[in-house]
Protein backbone atom coordinates (compact mmCIF):
# COMPACT_ATOMS: atom_id res chain seq x y z
CA MET A 1 28.14 34.31 -99.33
CA GLU A 2 28.72 33.76 -95.92
CA GLN A 3 31.01 30.58 -96.13
CA ILE A 4 31.21 28.76 -92.80
CA VAL A 5 32.80 24.99 -91.88
CA GLN A 6 32.03 22.39 -89.13
CA CYS A 7 35.76 21.37 -87.27
CA VAL A 8 35.30 18.03 -84.64
CA PRO A 9 39.11 17.49 -83.46
CA ASN A 10 39.16 14.85 -81.05
CA PHE A 11 42.04 14.85 -78.69
CA SER A 12 43.89 11.51 -76.73
CA GLU A 13 42.72 12.97 -73.01
CA GLY A 14 39.07 12.40 -71.59
CA LYS A 15 40.27 12.63 -67.55
CA ASP A 16 42.36 15.18 -66.84
CA LEU A 17 39.46 17.99 -67.22
CA GLU A 18 42.21 21.15 -66.42
CA LYS A 19 44.55 19.86 -69.84
CA ILE A 20 41.56 19.54 -71.74
CA ASP A 21 40.42 23.02 -70.95
CA ARG A 22 44.70 24.12 -71.23
CA ILE A 23 44.32 22.66 -75.08
CA ILE A 24 40.89 24.13 -75.94
CA GLN A 25 41.70 27.84 -74.99
CA PRO A 26 42.68 28.61 -79.01
CA LEU A 27 38.93 27.25 -79.83
CA LYS A 28 37.51 29.98 -76.71
CA ASN A 29 36.70 34.15 -77.95
CA LYS A 30 38.08 34.36 -81.19
CA ASP A 31 36.57 36.18 -84.17
CA ASN A 32 35.02 34.12 -86.72
CA VAL A 33 35.05 30.82 -84.36
CA LYS A 34 32.62 29.11 -82.40
CA LEU A 35 32.95 26.44 -80.26
CA LEU A 36 30.04 24.42 -79.81
CA SER A 37 30.42 21.50 -77.39
CA VAL A 38 33.51 20.11 -75.31
CA GLU A 39 32.46 16.55 -74.63
CA PRO A 40 35.23 14.79 -72.76
CA ASP A 41 34.67 10.63 -71.64
CA ALA A 42 36.83 9.59 -68.99
CA THR A 43 35.99 6.08 -69.88
CA TYR A 44 37.44 6.33 -73.57
CA ASN A 45 39.93 8.83 -72.35
CA ARG A 46 38.53 11.30 -75.28
CA THR A 47 37.08 13.95 -75.77
CA VAL A 48 35.51 15.28 -78.83
CA VAL A 49 35.59 18.99 -79.88
CA THR A 50 32.99 20.61 -82.00
CA VAL A 51 33.74 24.20 -83.49
CA ILE A 52 32.33 26.12 -86.67
CA GLY A 53 32.98 29.61 -88.25
CA GLN A 54 34.52 31.13 -91.29
CA PRO A 55 37.17 28.58 -92.87
CA GLN A 56 40.18 30.28 -91.89
CA ALA A 57 39.81 31.10 -88.59
CA VAL A 58 38.94 28.31 -87.42
CA LYS A 59 41.94 25.97 -89.52
CA ASP A 60 43.87 28.84 -87.76
CA ALA A 61 42.38 27.79 -84.29
CA VAL A 62 42.39 24.76 -84.80
CA VAL A 63 45.75 24.54 -85.02
CA GLU A 64 46.79 26.00 -82.31
CA ALA A 65 45.47 24.00 -79.95
CA ILE A 66 46.80 20.57 -82.21
CA GLY A 67 50.11 22.38 -80.51
CA ILE A 68 48.76 22.58 -77.27
CA ALA A 69 47.62 18.78 -77.09
CA THR A 70 50.91 17.77 -78.97
CA LYS A 71 52.10 18.91 -75.52
CA GLU A 72 50.30 18.34 -73.50
CA ILE A 73 49.35 14.68 -73.95
CA ASP A 74 51.35 11.44 -73.50
CA MET A 75 50.29 8.39 -76.18
CA THR A 76 53.01 6.06 -74.66
CA GLN A 77 51.07 6.28 -70.98
CA HIS A 78 47.33 6.65 -73.08
CA LYS A 79 45.22 3.97 -72.57
CA GLY A 80 40.83 3.95 -72.92
CA GLU A 81 38.21 2.84 -74.32
CA HIS A 82 38.31 4.00 -77.33
CA LEU A 83 41.41 2.88 -80.84
CA ARG A 84 43.31 5.08 -81.17
CA MET A 85 46.95 6.59 -82.72
CA GLY A 86 48.25 10.20 -81.64
CA ALA A 87 47.32 12.81 -79.13
CA THR A 88 45.21 14.61 -81.33
CA ASP A 89 43.57 11.20 -83.37
CA VAL A 90 41.98 13.31 -85.66
CA VAL A 91 39.94 16.59 -87.48
CA PRO A 92 37.44 16.62 -89.94
CA PHE A 93 36.51 19.28 -91.68
CA ILE A 94 32.45 19.76 -92.63
CA PRO A 95 31.51 22.65 -95.11
CA ILE A 96 28.10 23.68 -93.66
CA LYS A 97 27.70 26.73 -96.07
CA GLY A 98 28.90 28.42 -98.56
CA MET A 99 31.19 26.34 -99.53
CA SER A 100 31.71 23.02 -101.48
CA ILE A 101 33.43 20.06 -100.86
CA GLU A 102 37.12 21.02 -102.69
CA ASP A 103 37.26 24.24 -100.37
CA ALA A 104 36.58 21.85 -97.04
CA VAL A 105 39.58 19.47 -98.64
CA ASP A 106 42.08 22.47 -99.30
CA LEU A 107 41.34 24.05 -96.26
CA SER A 108 42.07 20.52 -94.84
CA ILE A 109 45.06 19.73 -96.84
CA GLU A 110 46.56 23.51 -95.14
CA CYS A 111 45.97 22.49 -91.68
CA ALA A 112 47.11 18.86 -92.25
CA LYS A 113 50.57 20.51 -93.45
CA ASP A 114 50.82 23.27 -90.97
CA VAL A 115 49.92 20.50 -87.89
CA SER A 116 53.08 18.82 -89.91
CA VAL A 117 55.98 21.56 -89.97
CA LYS A 118 54.96 23.43 -86.84
CA PHE A 119 54.56 20.77 -84.99
CA ASP A 120 56.96 17.90 -86.57
CA VAL A 121 54.05 15.40 -86.46
CA PRO A 122 52.72 12.57 -89.09
CA VAL A 123 49.79 13.68 -91.00
CA PHE A 124 47.91 11.07 -93.12
CA LEU A 125 44.82 12.53 -95.28
CA TYR A 126 41.32 10.69 -95.26
CA SER A 127 37.90 10.75 -96.02
CA TYR A 128 37.56 12.93 -99.38
CA SER A 129 41.13 14.50 -98.83
CA ALA A 130 42.67 10.77 -98.90
CA ARG A 131 45.27 10.58 -102.08
CA LYS A 132 45.27 6.99 -101.70
CA ALA A 133 41.69 4.43 -101.85
CA ASP A 134 43.27 2.67 -98.80
CA ARG A 135 43.41 5.59 -96.70
CA GLU A 136 39.44 6.78 -97.74
CA LYS A 137 38.71 4.92 -94.07
CA LEU A 138 39.63 5.83 -91.16
CA PRO A 139 39.83 2.31 -89.50
CA ASN A 140 42.60 1.19 -92.43
CA ILE A 141 44.33 4.60 -91.60
CA ARG A 142 44.01 3.28 -87.77
CA LYS A 143 45.48 0.23 -87.28
CA GLY A 144 47.67 -0.93 -85.18
CA GLU A 145 47.31 2.35 -82.71
CA PHE A 146 49.40 3.97 -81.54
CA GLU A 147 51.59 1.11 -80.50
CA GLY A 148 52.21 -0.38 -83.45
CA MET A 149 52.17 3.02 -86.09
CA PRO A 150 55.95 2.78 -85.63
CA GLU A 151 56.51 -0.56 -87.60
CA LYS A 152 53.28 0.57 -89.99
CA LEU A 153 55.31 3.65 -90.71
CA LYS A 154 58.36 1.25 -92.16
CA ASP A 155 55.70 0.33 -95.23
CA PRO A 156 56.07 3.02 -98.27
CA ASN A 157 52.43 2.31 -98.56
CA TRP A 158 52.15 3.79 -95.53
CA TYR A 159 54.12 6.84 -95.61
CA PRO A 160 52.35 9.78 -94.34
CA ASP A 161 51.22 12.25 -96.83
CA PHE A 162 53.18 15.04 -94.85
CA GLY A 163 56.12 14.60 -92.08
CA LYS A 164 58.53 12.39 -92.10
CA ASN A 165 57.95 7.75 -92.00
CA GLU A 166 58.70 8.16 -87.90
CA ILE A 167 55.46 9.05 -85.38
CA HIS A 168 56.01 11.91 -83.13
CA PRO A 169 57.80 9.87 -79.79
CA THR A 170 54.87 11.53 -77.45
CA ALA A 171 51.92 12.18 -79.85
CA GLY A 172 52.08 10.11 -82.36
CA VAL A 173 50.02 10.49 -85.71
CA THR A 174 47.22 12.95 -87.07
CA ALA A 175 44.43 11.83 -89.18
CA ILE A 176 43.27 15.24 -91.20
CA GLY A 177 40.48 15.51 -94.21
CA CYS A 178 37.62 16.41 -95.29
CA ARG A 179 34.22 14.41 -94.53
CA PRO A 180 30.67 14.19 -94.70
CA PRO A 181 28.79 14.76 -91.20
CA LEU A 182 29.25 11.68 -89.35
CA ILE A 183 26.77 10.48 -86.81
CA ALA A 184 28.65 9.22 -83.44
CA TYR A 185 25.52 7.28 -81.89
CA ASN A 186 26.13 5.19 -78.67
CA ILE A 187 23.97 2.74 -77.50
CA ASP A 188 23.75 1.59 -73.35
CA CYS A 189 22.63 -1.77 -73.32
CA ALA A 190 22.10 -3.23 -69.32
CA THR A 191 24.59 -5.88 -69.37
CA LYS A 192 28.61 -6.79 -68.44
CA ASP A 193 29.04 -9.33 -71.45
CA LYS A 194 31.60 -7.70 -73.09
CA GLU A 195 31.77 -10.35 -76.07
CA ALA A 196 27.78 -10.28 -76.44
CA ILE A 197 28.22 -6.69 -77.15
CA ALA A 198 30.94 -7.29 -79.96
CA PHE A 199 28.33 -10.27 -81.49
CA ILE A 200 26.66 -7.79 -81.96
CA ALA A 201 28.34 -4.43 -83.16
CA LYS A 202 30.02 -7.49 -85.45
CA ALA A 203 26.16 -8.09 -86.01
CA ILE A 204 25.60 -5.18 -87.28
CA ARG A 205 28.47 -3.58 -89.02
CA LEU A 206 29.52 -3.88 -92.49
CA SER A 207 32.84 -5.80 -91.60
CA GLY A 208 30.24 -8.79 -89.72
CA GLY A 209 27.80 -8.25 -92.79
CA GLY A 210 25.58 -5.71 -91.50
CA TYR A 211 25.04 -2.23 -92.76
CA LYS A 212 27.48 -0.83 -95.37
CA ASN A 213 27.40 2.83 -93.19
CA ILE A 214 28.25 1.82 -89.99
CA GLN A 215 31.84 1.00 -87.96
CA ALA A 216 30.58 -0.47 -84.10
CA GLY A 217 32.49 -1.77 -81.26
CA PRO A 218 31.92 -2.84 -77.96
CA ALA A 219 33.20 0.02 -75.11
CA GLU A 220 33.39 -1.69 -71.90
CA TYR A 221 32.45 1.12 -68.70
CA GLU A 222 31.51 -0.08 -64.95
CA THR A 223 27.99 -1.10 -64.80
CA TYR A 224 27.17 -1.67 -68.23
CA ILE A 225 28.68 -1.88 -71.68
CA GLN A 226 27.76 0.46 -74.41
CA CYS A 227 27.69 -0.32 -78.65
CA THR A 228 29.83 2.72 -79.21
CA MET A 229 29.85 3.18 -83.73
CA ASN A 230 30.21 5.72 -86.20
CA ILE A 231 27.21 6.16 -88.86
CA THR A 232 29.01 7.54 -91.94
CA ASP A 233 25.96 8.29 -93.97
CA TYR A 234 22.90 8.51 -92.18
CA THR A 235 20.91 9.24 -95.79
CA GLN A 236 21.83 5.94 -96.33
CA THR A 237 21.95 3.83 -93.20
CA SER A 238 19.63 5.76 -90.43
CA VAL A 239 20.08 6.22 -86.82
CA TYR A 240 17.01 4.11 -86.49
CA ARG A 241 18.29 1.33 -88.36
CA ALA A 242 21.20 1.47 -86.64
CA TYR A 243 19.06 1.44 -83.07
CA GLU A 244 16.34 -1.24 -84.26
CA ALA A 245 18.58 -3.58 -84.94
CA VAL A 246 20.76 -2.93 -81.79
CA VAL A 247 17.40 -3.65 -80.01
CA MET A 248 16.64 -6.66 -81.56
CA GLU A 249 20.53 -8.47 -81.72
CA ALA A 250 20.30 -8.01 -77.95
CA ARG A 251 16.96 -9.73 -77.25
CA ARG A 252 18.59 -13.04 -77.98
CA PHE A 253 20.86 -12.26 -75.01
CA ASN A 254 17.95 -10.89 -72.83
CA ILE A 255 19.89 -7.67 -72.91
CA GLU A 256 17.73 -5.18 -72.27
CA ILE A 257 18.62 -0.99 -74.10
CA THR A 258 18.71 1.52 -71.51
CA GLY A 259 19.91 4.98 -73.47
CA SER A 260 21.64 6.35 -76.16
CA GLU A 261 23.32 9.18 -76.20
CA PHE A 262 25.24 11.16 -80.22
CA ILE A 263 28.34 12.74 -79.07
CA GLY A 264 28.87 15.87 -81.63
CA LEU A 265 26.40 17.48 -83.02
CA VAL A 266 23.82 16.32 -85.47
CA PRO A 267 22.17 17.68 -88.64
CA ARG A 268 18.32 18.52 -88.00
CA ALA A 269 18.13 15.91 -91.24
CA CYS A 270 19.21 13.56 -89.31
CA LEU A 271 16.48 14.33 -86.75
CA GLU A 272 13.24 14.16 -89.22
CA ASP A 273 14.97 11.21 -90.58
CA ILE A 274 13.96 9.30 -87.29
CA ALA A 275 11.09 11.21 -85.74
CA ALA A 276 9.45 10.05 -89.59
CA TYR A 277 9.44 6.11 -88.64
CA TYR A 278 8.54 6.31 -85.23
CA GLN A 279 5.59 8.83 -86.29
CA GLY A 280 4.86 6.09 -89.37
CA LEU A 281 5.29 8.80 -92.13
CA ARG A 282 6.69 8.17 -95.51
CA ASP A 283 8.70 10.76 -95.75
CA THR A 284 9.72 13.61 -93.77
CA SER A 285 7.90 16.66 -95.86
CA THR A 286 5.40 17.23 -93.01
CA LEU A 287 7.82 17.22 -90.47
CA HIS A 288 10.30 20.47 -91.70
CA ASP A 289 7.63 22.67 -90.47
CA ILE A 290 7.48 21.63 -86.68
CA SER A 291 10.37 23.52 -84.57
CA LEU A 292 13.05 21.96 -83.29
CA GLU A 293 12.09 21.84 -80.12
CA GLU A 294 9.30 19.46 -80.35
CA LEU A 295 11.50 17.72 -83.03
CA VAL A 296 14.34 17.20 -80.76
CA ASN A 297 11.84 15.93 -77.45
CA SER A 298 10.15 13.40 -80.27
CA VAL A 299 13.74 12.04 -81.22
CA THR A 300 14.71 12.04 -77.50
CA SER A 301 11.60 9.52 -76.56
CA SER A 302 12.14 7.23 -79.53
CA LEU A 303 15.72 6.39 -79.47
CA LYS A 304 16.20 6.69 -75.01
CA LEU A 305 18.54 9.87 -75.72
CA ARG A 306 20.96 10.76 -73.24
CA ASP A 307 21.70 14.53 -72.31
CA PHE A 308 20.40 16.04 -75.93
CA SER A 309 18.95 19.12 -76.23
CA LEU A 310 18.70 22.13 -79.40
CA GLU A 311 22.16 23.26 -78.49
CA LYS A 312 23.57 19.40 -79.69
CA VAL A 313 22.18 20.78 -83.44
CA ILE A 314 23.69 21.91 -86.43
CA GLU A 315 21.04 24.51 -87.05
CA TYR A 316 20.37 25.57 -83.61
CA HIS A 317 24.16 27.54 -84.49
CA ILE A 318 23.79 28.83 -87.19
């Protein structure tokens, strides 16, 4: 059976489009590798890239891109709204077809070894690839960010899985691992009150007493604030629950929700789950046979999505 893996490297550069293009060159025009999306954000100063393809070919191309990012991005000069600890901040591998979690874990470990040896960048294994329980969740690893990482790495409990316990002076450290499909989802709030959105984010995330699978925080744009979140398991905590929870909490501040966005690609099953709620269905069975276009249109309307299209759905490319 053909094997397909998805990889979603996050690079800590979202402003310099020429630099971003140089970083992603190894992901273009390669046999058995398909570049699906490149999503830079100047406010976050971060670019999320999505590729799929044959596992070894994807891994090799991603390692090459990480090498360019290591040379191109100087974290001592980096500032942005998104938390970060390295030039290549995180590299998740997600099994899509014909491969097991164990296969993807093995691939992530190969990638981590390559990055450490070739570029002298310390690497932490996270999620399913983690060798320690406190490294399963990415925020635990990233805590302290680039600036706090030199001191953090002196602690024997935080020695990297690969590489020495010293950061790369300009590229920092990287986390690599196999993880389940994660939904990166942001909600636009018509306010400049960052404290209010921080309150809302705390209310909906696990650490604040909210949903188990939500990590959330505020991100400030020029004219509005986003409640930005990762939904680490959409099968347990649905996207519509996250959206409706933010709408509900925003009422206490009289804040209007003006839109939302997915970062990266989403599975069709995630969209069916959302559509079933807003259409008043008890399950998704009747949605399996509708067209992908109809499904996309339905979810776009329900969540006030912007910049969403067929190309943002994984199954469209397979």
